[in-house]
Amino acid sequence: MREFFVRLYQDGWQADGAVRPVGRLLIVAMSLAVLSSVLSLVFVRIIVEFQLRRSGYDPDGALPPYTKEAFYVADCVRIVTVLAIFANYARLIRWLGTQNKSKYRSLLVISVITVVAYCYLLTTSYPLWVHVIQAVQVVVMFMVFVLLNRKSVRDHFTVTAT
């Protein structure tokens, strides 16, 4: 595990000067994903009760069969998905060290998809504190997109023939 964090530090925080801000923002995004997962796991009962109330159910009253379980499963799937996104961020950070144009395009596409996905999540029925984390993630990934479009970053990914 220590080796993973050392590599992450070298590839992201200490990346080439042109892509260093992108690497640091991806580390921030990764940290937010972990924070979101941990808080969602700790407060899963509160989140489920909030979602039940927003759906018109009384969490303490009679519920249709398996309703509460369905909400718990949905939240657990969300937590697992966020952890998968965490692993994806580590891969994206490693790509910063390459000078591969296709990886650059992939970084651009992934940053746009991530912004759109988090914007969608802002419309879902989660407590305010979850939406605050998601809003910060939108801002961070939008900043990644903006930085990826800087000339110095584009030049970093342009492989010159020697």
C-alpha atoms as a PDB file:
ATOM      1  CA  MET A   1       0.000   0.000   0.000  1.00  0.00           C
ATOM      2  CA  ARG A   2       2.856   2.346   0.820  1.00  0.00           C
ATOM      3  CA  GLU A   3       4.314   1.740  -2.627  1.00  0.00           C
ATOM      4  CA  PHE A   4       0.986   2.725  -4.193  1.00  0.00           C
ATOM      5  CA  PHE A   5       0.997   6.081  -2.390  1.00  0.00           C
ATOM      6  CA  VAL A   6       4.669   6.724  -3.193  1.00  0.00           C
ATOM      7  CA  ARG A   7       3.967   6.065  -6.872  1.00  0.00           C
ATOM      8  CA  LEU A   8       0.854   8.240  -6.730  1.00  0.00           C
ATOM      9  CA  TYR A   9       2.884  11.046  -5.173  1.00  0.00           C
ATOM     10  CA  GLN A  10       5.595  10.780  -7.826  1.00  0.00           C
ATOM     11  CA  ASP A  11       3.213  10.504 -10.786  1.00  0.00           C
ATOM     12  CA  GLY A  12       0.719  13.114  -9.614  1.00  0.00           C
ATOM     13  CA  TRP A  13       2.116  15.546  -7.087  1.00  0.00           C
ATOM     14  CA  GLN A  14       5.647  15.592  -8.524  1.00  0.00           C
ATOM     15  CA  ALA A  15       4.672  15.230 -12.197  1.00  0.00           C
ATOM     16  CA  ASP A  16       6.274  17.181 -15.023  1.00  0.00           C
ATOM     17  CA  GLY A  17       5.745  20.920 -14.552  1.00  0.00           C
ATOM     18  CA  ALA A  18       3.216  21.213 -17.372  1.00  0.00           C
ATOM     19  CA  VAL A  19       0.882  18.552 -15.996  1.00  0.00           C
ATOM     20  CA  ARG A  20       1.621  18.918 -12.269  1.00  0.00           C
ATOM     21  CA  PRO A  21      -1.525  21.019 -11.571  1.00  0.00           C
ATOM     22  CA  VAL A  22      -3.642  18.377 -13.327  1.00  0.00           C
ATOM     23  CA  GLY A  23      -2.029  15.619 -11.264  1.00  0.00           C
ATOM     24  CA  ARG A  24      -2.631  17.488  -8.040  1.00  0.00           C
ATOM     25  CA  LEU A  25      -6.271  18.134  -8.919  1.00  0.00           C
ATOM     26  CA  LEU A  26      -6.742  14.450  -9.756  1.00  0.00           C
ATOM     27  CA  ILE A  27      -5.322  13.566  -6.338  1.00  0.00           C
ATOM     28  CA  VAL A  28      -7.814  16.008  -4.782  1.00  0.00           C
ATOM     29  CA  ALA A  29     -10.616  14.384  -6.811  1.00  0.00           C
ATOM     30  CA  MET A  30      -9.447  10.960  -5.668  1.00  0.00           C
ATOM     31  CA  SER A  31      -9.442  12.118  -2.047  1.00  0.00           C
ATOM     32  CA  LEU A  32     -12.971  13.491  -2.438  1.00  0.00           C
ATOM     33  CA  ALA A  33     -14.106  10.142  -3.859  1.00  0.00           C
ATOM     34  CA  VAL A  34     -12.691   8.334  -0.825  1.00  0.00           C
ATOM     35  CA  LEU A  35     -14.225  10.893   1.550  1.00  0.00           C
ATOM     36  CA  SER A  36     -17.587  10.476  -0.152  1.00  0.00           C
ATOM     37  CA  SER A  37     -17.424   6.685   0.134  1.00  0.00           C
ATOM     38  CA  VAL A  38     -16.365   6.667   3.774  1.00  0.00           C
ATOM     39  CA  LEU A  39     -19.030   9.176   4.804  1.00  0.00           C
ATOM     40  CA  SER A  40     -21.681   7.331   2.792  1.00  0.00           C
ATOM     41  CA  LEU A  41     -20.727   4.085   4.498  1.00  0.00           C
ATOM     42  CA  VAL A  42     -20.739   5.640   7.970  1.00  0.00           C
ATOM     43  CA  PHE A  43     -24.035   7.467   7.422  1.00  0.00           C
ATOM     44  CA  VAL A  44     -25.790   4.934   5.175  1.00  0.00           C
ATOM     45  CA  ARG A  45     -28.773   4.647   7.537  1.00  0.00           C
ATOM     46  CA  ILE A  46     -29.285   8.417   7.569  1.00  0.00           C
ATOM     47  CA  ILE A  47     -28.981   8.584   3.779  1.00  0.00           C
ATOM     48  CA  VAL A  48     -31.497   5.764   3.279  1.00  0.00           C
ATOM     49  CA  GLU A  49     -33.989   7.360   5.676  1.00  0.00           C
ATOM     50  CA  PHE A  50     -33.577  10.687   3.865  1.00  0.00           C
ATOM     51  CA  GLN A  51     -34.168   9.031   0.496  1.00  0.00           C
ATOM     52  CA  LEU A  52     -37.214   7.166   1.796  1.00  0.00           C
ATOM     53  CA  ARG A  53     -38.724  10.410   3.085  1.00  0.00           C
ATOM     54  CA  ARG A  54     -37.986  12.165  -0.220  1.00  0.00           C
ATOM     55  CA  SER A  55     -39.729   9.287  -2.024  1.00  0.00           C
ATOM     56  CA  GLY A  56     -42.839   9.726   0.105  1.00  0.00           C
ATOM     57  CA  TYR A  57     -42.304   6.817   2.494  1.00  0.00           C
ATOM     58  CA  ASP A  58     -42.182   6.879   6.275  1.00  0.00           C
ATOM     59  CA  PRO A  59     -38.969   5.029   7.255  1.00  0.00           C
ATOM     60  CA  ASP A  60     -40.532   4.032  10.583  1.00  0.00           C
ATOM     61  CA  GLY A  61     -43.888   3.035   9.103  1.00  0.00           C
ATOM     62  CA  ALA A  62     -45.070   0.193   6.924  1.00  0.00           C
ATOM     63  CA  LEU A  63     -43.139  -0.044   3.679  1.00  0.00           C
ATOM     64  CA  PRO A  64     -43.737  -2.115   0.569  1.00  0.00           C
ATOM     65  CA  PRO A  65     -41.702  -5.345   0.643  1.00  0.00           C
ATOM     66  CA  TYR A  66     -37.974  -4.889   0.133  1.00  0.00           C
ATOM     67  CA  THR A  67     -38.214  -1.101  -0.274  1.00  0.00           C
ATOM     68  CA  LYS A  68     -35.701  -0.257   2.440  1.00  0.00           C
ATOM     69  CA  GLU A  69     -33.408  -3.056   1.268  1.00  0.00           C
ATOM     70  CA  ALA A  70     -33.508  -1.689  -2.287  1.00  0.00           C
ATOM     71  CA  PHE A  71     -32.366   1.714  -1.033  1.00  0.00           C
ATOM     72  CA  TYR A  72     -29.543   0.109   0.987  1.00  0.00           C
ATOM     73  CA  VAL A  73     -28.422  -1.913  -2.041  1.00  0.00           C
ATOM     74  CA  ALA A  74     -28.502   1.191  -4.243  1.00  0.00           C
ATOM     75  CA  ASP A  75     -26.340   3.101  -1.774  1.00  0.00           C
ATOM     76  CA  CYS A  76     -23.892   0.197  -1.434  1.00  0.00           C
ATOM     77  CA  VAL A  77     -23.619  -0.003  -5.226  1.00  0.00           C
ATOM     78  CA  ARG A  78     -22.909   3.729  -5.251  1.00  0.00           C
ATOM     79  CA  ILE A  79     -20.140   3.267  -2.679  1.00  0.00           C
ATOM     80  CA  VAL A  80     -18.562   0.462  -4.721  1.00  0.00           C
ATOM     81  CA  THR A  81     -18.829   2.607  -7.857  1.00  0.00           C
ATOM     82  CA  VAL A  82     -17.063   5.494  -6.142  1.00  0.00           C
ATOM     83  CA  LEU A  83     -14.264   3.140  -5.067  1.00  0.00           C
ATOM     84  CA  ALA A  84     -13.939   1.981  -8.684  1.00  0.00           C
ATOM     85  CA  ILE A  85     -13.680   5.636  -9.685  1.00  0.00           C
ATOM     86  CA  PHE A  86     -10.893   5.964  -7.094  1.00  0.00           C
ATOM     87  CA  ALA A  87      -8.948   3.233  -8.903  1.00  0.00           C
ATOM     88  CA  ASN A  88      -9.614   4.966 -12.219  1.00  0.00           C
ATOM     89  CA  TYR A  89      -8.156   8.235 -10.895  1.00  0.00           C
ATOM     90  CA  ALA A  90      -4.928   6.388 -10.045  1.00  0.00           C
ATOM     91  CA  ARG A  91      -4.737   5.186 -13.647  1.00  0.00           C
ATOM     92  CA  LEU A  92      -5.408   8.693 -14.972  1.00  0.00           C
ATOM     93  CA  ILE A  93      -2.624  10.095 -12.814  1.00  0.00           C
ATOM     94  CA  ARG A  94      -0.211   7.522 -14.255  1.00  0.00           C
ATOM     95  CA  TRP A  95      -1.193   8.657 -17.757  1.00  0.00           C
ATOM     96  CA  LEU A  96       0.121  12.137 -16.991  1.00  0.00           C
ATOM     97  CA  GLY A  97       3.660  10.781 -17.205  1.00  0.00           C
ATOM     98  CA  THR A  98       3.130   9.496 -20.727  1.00  0.00           C
ATOM     99  CA  GLN A  99       3.377  11.636 -23.787  1.00  0.00           C
ATOM    100  CA  ASN A 100       0.701   9.711 -25.597  1.00  0.00           C
ATOM    101  CA  LYS A 101      -1.826  11.771 -27.567  1.00  0.00           C
ATOM    102  CA  SER A 102      -4.555   9.103 -27.261  1.00  0.00           C
ATOM    103  CA  LYS A 103      -4.196   9.098 -23.465  1.00  0.00           C
ATOM    104  CA  TYR A 104      -4.517  12.894 -23.553  1.00  0.00           C
ATOM    105  CA  ARG A 105      -7.756  12.599 -25.523  1.00  0.00           C
ATOM    106  CA  SER A 106      -8.979   9.971 -23.070  1.00  0.00           C
ATOM    107  CA  LEU A 107      -8.208  12.301 -20.155  1.00  0.00           C
ATOM    108  CA  LEU A 108     -10.231  15.040 -21.847  1.00  0.00           C
ATOM    109  CA  VAL A 109     -13.202  12.757 -22.513  1.00  0.00           C
ATOM    110  CA  ILE A 110     -13.131  11.290 -19.001  1.00  0.00           C
ATOM    111  CA  SER A 111     -13.002  14.754 -17.420  1.00  0.00           C
ATOM    112  CA  VAL A 112     -16.067  15.846 -19.421  1.00  0.00           C
ATOM    113  CA  ILE A 113     -17.975  12.639 -18.627  1.00  0.00           C
ATOM    114  CA  THR A 114     -17.106  13.026 -14.944  1.00  0.00           C
ATOM    115  CA  VAL A 115     -18.368  16.621 -14.846  1.00  0.00           C
ATOM    116  CA  VAL A 116     -21.624  15.594 -16.548  1.00  0.00           C
ATOM    117  CA  ALA A 117     -22.063  12.588 -14.228  1.00  0.00           C
ATOM    118  CA  TYR A 118     -21.508  14.627 -11.065  1.00  0.00           C
ATOM    119  CA  CYS A 119     -23.858  17.347 -12.358  1.00  0.00           C
ATOM    120  CA  TYR A 120     -26.498  14.653 -12.784  1.00  0.00           C
ATOM    121  CA  LEU A 121     -25.857  13.393  -9.249  1.00  0.00           C
ATOM    122  CA  LEU A 122     -26.555  16.896  -7.965  1.00  0.00           C
ATOM    123  CA  THR A 123     -30.180  16.369  -9.051  1.00  0.00           C
ATOM    124  CA  THR A 124     -30.640  13.129  -7.092  1.00  0.00           C
ATOM    125  CA  SER A 125     -32.203  12.792  -3.649  1.00  0.00           C
ATOM    126  CA  TYR A 126     -29.251  12.863  -1.288  1.00  0.00           C
ATOM    127  CA  PRO A 127     -28.678  14.994   1.810  1.00  0.00           C
ATOM    128  CA  LEU A 128     -27.147  18.440   1.370  1.00  0.00           C
ATOM    129  CA  TRP A 129     -23.710  17.390   2.621  1.00  0.00           C
ATOM    130  CA  VAL A 130     -23.493  14.763  -0.149  1.00  0.00           C
ATOM    131  CA  HIS A 131     -24.398  17.397  -2.733  1.00  0.00           C
ATOM    132  CA  VAL A 132     -21.710  19.714  -1.346  1.00  0.00           C
ATOM    133  CA  ILE A 133     -19.058  17.029  -1.911  1.00  0.00           C
ATOM    134  CA  GLN A 134     -20.451  16.379  -5.393  1.00  0.00           C
ATOM    135  CA  ALA A 135     -20.411  20.101  -6.219  1.00  0.00           C
ATOM    136  CA  VAL A 136     -16.771  20.330  -5.172  1.00  0.00           C
ATOM    137  CA  GLN A 137     -16.058  17.306  -7.390  1.00  0.00           C
ATOM    138  CA  VAL A 138     -17.736  19.088 -10.319  1.00  0.00           C
ATOM    139  CA  VAL A 139     -15.541  22.151  -9.773  1.00  0.00           C
ATOM    140  CA  VAL A 140     -12.354  20.078  -9.449  1.00  0.00           C
ATOM    141  CA  MET A 141     -13.026  18.022 -12.577  1.00  0.00           C
ATOM    142  CA  PHE A 142     -14.028  21.127 -14.539  1.00  0.00           C
ATOM    143  CA  MET A 143     -10.705  22.667 -13.506  1.00  0.00           C
ATOM    144  CA  VAL A 144      -8.971  19.489 -14.722  1.00  0.00           C
ATOM    145  CA  PHE A 145     -10.728  19.908 -18.075  1.00  0.00           C
ATOM    146  CA  VAL A 146      -9.685  23.564 -18.292  1.00  0.00           C
ATOM    147  CA  LEU A 147      -6.073  22.762 -17.403  1.00  0.00           C
ATOM    148  CA  LEU A 148      -5.959  19.922 -19.928  1.00  0.00           C
ATOM    149  CA  ASN A 149      -6.828  22.462 -22.617  1.00  0.00           C
ATOM    150  CA  ARG A 150      -3.857  24.703 -21.814  1.00  0.00           C
ATOM    151  CA  LYS A 151      -1.221  24.850 -24.542  1.00  0.00           C
ATOM    152  CA  SER A 152       1.592  23.707 -22.236  1.00  0.00           C
ATOM    153  CA  VAL A 153      -0.367  20.578 -21.288  1.00  0.00           C
ATOM    154  CA  ARG A 154      -1.306  19.837 -24.906  1.00  0.00           C
ATOM    155  CA  ASP A 155       2.345  20.244 -25.866  1.00  0.00           C
ATOM    156  CA  HIS A 156       3.372  17.822 -23.109  1.00  0.00           C
ATOM    157  CA  PHE A 157       1.286  15.091 -24.729  1.00  0.00           C
ATOM    158  CA  THR A 158       2.519  15.818 -28.254  1.00  0.00           C
ATOM    159  CA  VAL A 159       5.179  13.297 -29.134  1.00  0.00           C
ATOM    160  CA  THR A 160       7.820  14.764 -31.389  1.00  0.00           C
ATOM    161  CA  ALA A 161       9.576  12.514 -33.857  1.00  0.00           C
ATOM    162  CA  THR A 162      13.337  12.361 -33.406  1.00  0.00           C
END
